Amino acid sequence: MQILAALEKASETDIVVVDLQDGKAWWETRLLVLVAGAVRKGRPRSVVFVASTTQQKRLFLGWAPPQSLLDALLGRRNPRHVTYLKTYALAQEANEKW
């Protein structure tokens, strides 16, 4: 439920900050859901990445638009691309039924 609340909040802003903390706080699948939703809804428009080290908290790592991140995560040669398209089609079908 925590991730759903965070995703809902992210869709209400232009910039979302992904805090990777020590590198183990975010899963690739969470990022995929975040950016896929952002591409469909048009918000957020930018994803900013920060992380923490022993010397510094929330160190800026970089940023990217959601479409670029989605393209990187679902490259045409990546097997996840087909799975994503199939899953998205099933979700759309279920949405139309309900």
Foldseek 3Di string as FASTA:
>chain_A
DVLVVVLVVQQVEQEEEDECEAVPPDDPVSLLVNLVVCVVSVTNQKYWYFYDDPVGHRHTDGMDGSVVSNCVSQPVVDPVVVVVVVVVVVVVVVVVVD
